[in-house]
Amino acid sequence: MTFTQSVKAVPTNLSKTMVYMPDELKEALVKRAKRENRSLSNLIVTLLQEVVKNAESETKN
């Protein structure tokens, strides 16, 4: 049995979304995620949450 055959998906209630982006952007995000010791997915979610939070606070002012 290979490693990929033994890995099971972790159940989650999170939505999945496919995103198309330039290779250069993905490479930069992967590098940042590695520096911050987090997954690419976690980094992207965190950055998007910050953008939404900032946009909401701007509309309140």
C-alpha atoms as a PDB file:
ATOM      1  CA  MET A   1       0.000   0.000   0.000  1.00  0.00           C
ATOM      2  CA  THR A   2       1.362   3.430  -0.918  1.00  0.00           C
ATOM      3  CA  PHE A   3       1.109   6.498   1.272  1.00  0.00           C
ATOM      4  CA  THR A   4      -1.606   8.078  -0.875  1.00  0.00           C
ATOM      5  CA  GLN A   5      -3.745   4.962  -0.660  1.00  0.00           C
ATOM      6  CA  SER A   6      -3.643   4.954   3.138  1.00  0.00           C
ATOM      7  CA  VAL A   7      -4.604   8.609   3.613  1.00  0.00           C
ATOM      8  CA  LYS A   8      -8.261   9.195   4.399  1.00  0.00           C
ATOM      9  CA  ALA A   9     -10.077  12.475   3.929  1.00  0.00           C
ATOM     10  CA  VAL A  10     -10.900  14.310   7.134  1.00  0.00           C
ATOM     11  CA  PRO A  11     -14.638  15.031   7.409  1.00  0.00           C
ATOM     12  CA  THR A  12     -15.358  18.744   7.452  1.00  0.00           C
ATOM     13  CA  ASN A  13     -18.318  21.060   7.308  1.00  0.00           C
ATOM     14  CA  LEU A  14     -16.313  23.634   5.345  1.00  0.00           C
ATOM     15  CA  SER A  15     -17.213  24.530   1.775  1.00  0.00           C
ATOM     16  CA  LYS A  16     -14.832  23.668  -1.025  1.00  0.00           C
ATOM     17  CA  THR A  17     -14.125  26.171  -3.787  1.00  0.00           C
ATOM     18  CA  MET A  18     -11.920  25.889  -6.840  1.00  0.00           C
ATOM     19  CA  VAL A  19      -9.912  29.005  -7.587  1.00  0.00           C
ATOM     20  CA  TYR A  20      -7.935  29.822 -10.712  1.00  0.00           C
ATOM     21  CA  MET A  21      -4.912  32.056 -10.173  1.00  0.00           C
ATOM     22  CA  PRO A  22      -1.663  32.885 -11.930  1.00  0.00           C
ATOM     23  CA  ASP A  23       1.212  30.509 -11.180  1.00  0.00           C
ATOM     24  CA  GLU A  24       3.286  33.385  -9.782  1.00  0.00           C
ATOM     25  CA  LEU A  25       0.598  34.228  -7.238  1.00  0.00           C
ATOM     26  CA  LYS A  26       0.268  30.617  -6.129  1.00  0.00           C
ATOM     27  CA  GLU A  27       4.033  30.293  -5.760  1.00  0.00           C
ATOM     28  CA  ALA A  28       4.150  33.432  -3.609  1.00  0.00           C
ATOM     29  CA  LEU A  29       1.285  32.168  -1.432  1.00  0.00           C
ATOM     30  CA  VAL A  30       2.899  28.752  -1.029  1.00  0.00           C
ATOM     31  CA  LYS A  31       6.162  30.391   0.071  1.00  0.00           C
ATOM     32  CA  ARG A  32       4.348  32.569   2.593  1.00  0.00           C
ATOM     33  CA  ALA A  33       2.358  29.617   3.925  1.00  0.00           C
ATOM     34  CA  LYS A  34       5.585  27.654   4.427  1.00  0.00           C
ATOM     35  CA  ARG A  35       7.208  30.613   6.233  1.00  0.00           C
ATOM     36  CA  GLU A  36       4.193  30.839   8.529  1.00  0.00           C
ATOM     37  CA  ASN A  37       4.052  27.047   9.002  1.00  0.00           C
ATOM     38  CA  ARG A  38       0.479  26.744   7.761  1.00  0.00           C
ATOM     39  CA  SER A  39      -1.320  25.168   4.859  1.00  0.00           C
ATOM     40  CA  LEU A  40      -2.013  27.075   1.677  1.00  0.00           C
ATOM     41  CA  SER A  41      -5.732  26.655   2.305  1.00  0.00           C
ATOM     42  CA  ASN A  42      -5.457  28.089   5.824  1.00  0.00           C
ATOM     43  CA  LEU A  43      -3.433  31.054   4.589  1.00  0.00           C
ATOM     44  CA  ILE A  44      -5.950  31.861   1.847  1.00  0.00           C
ATOM     45  CA  VAL A  45      -8.906  31.632   4.252  1.00  0.00           C
ATOM     46  CA  THR A  46      -7.115  33.868   6.768  1.00  0.00           C
ATOM     47  CA  LEU A  47      -6.305  36.485   4.111  1.00  0.00           C
ATOM     48  CA  LEU A  48      -9.881  36.447   2.803  1.00  0.00           C
ATOM     49  CA  GLN A  49     -11.271  36.825   6.333  1.00  0.00           C
ATOM     50  CA  GLU A  50      -9.061  39.900   6.837  1.00  0.00           C
ATOM     51  CA  VAL A  51     -10.276  41.433   3.559  1.00  0.00           C
ATOM     52  CA  VAL A  52     -13.935  40.880   4.476  1.00  0.00           C
ATOM     53  CA  LYS A  53     -13.421  42.238   8.004  1.00  0.00           C
ATOM     54  CA  ASN A  54     -11.676  45.362   6.657  1.00  0.00           C
ATOM     55  CA  ALA A  55     -14.379  45.920   4.041  1.00  0.00           C
ATOM     56  CA  GLU A  56     -17.103  45.618   6.674  1.00  0.00           C
ATOM     57  CA  SER A  57     -15.384  48.112   8.965  1.00  0.00           C
ATOM     58  CA  GLU A  58     -14.957  50.571   6.059  1.00  0.00           C
ATOM     59  CA  THR A  59     -18.667  50.448   5.243  1.00  0.00           C
ATOM     60  CA  LYS A  60     -19.534  51.216   8.883  1.00  0.00           C
ATOM     61  CA  ASN A  61     -17.489  54.446   8.803  1.00  0.00           C
END
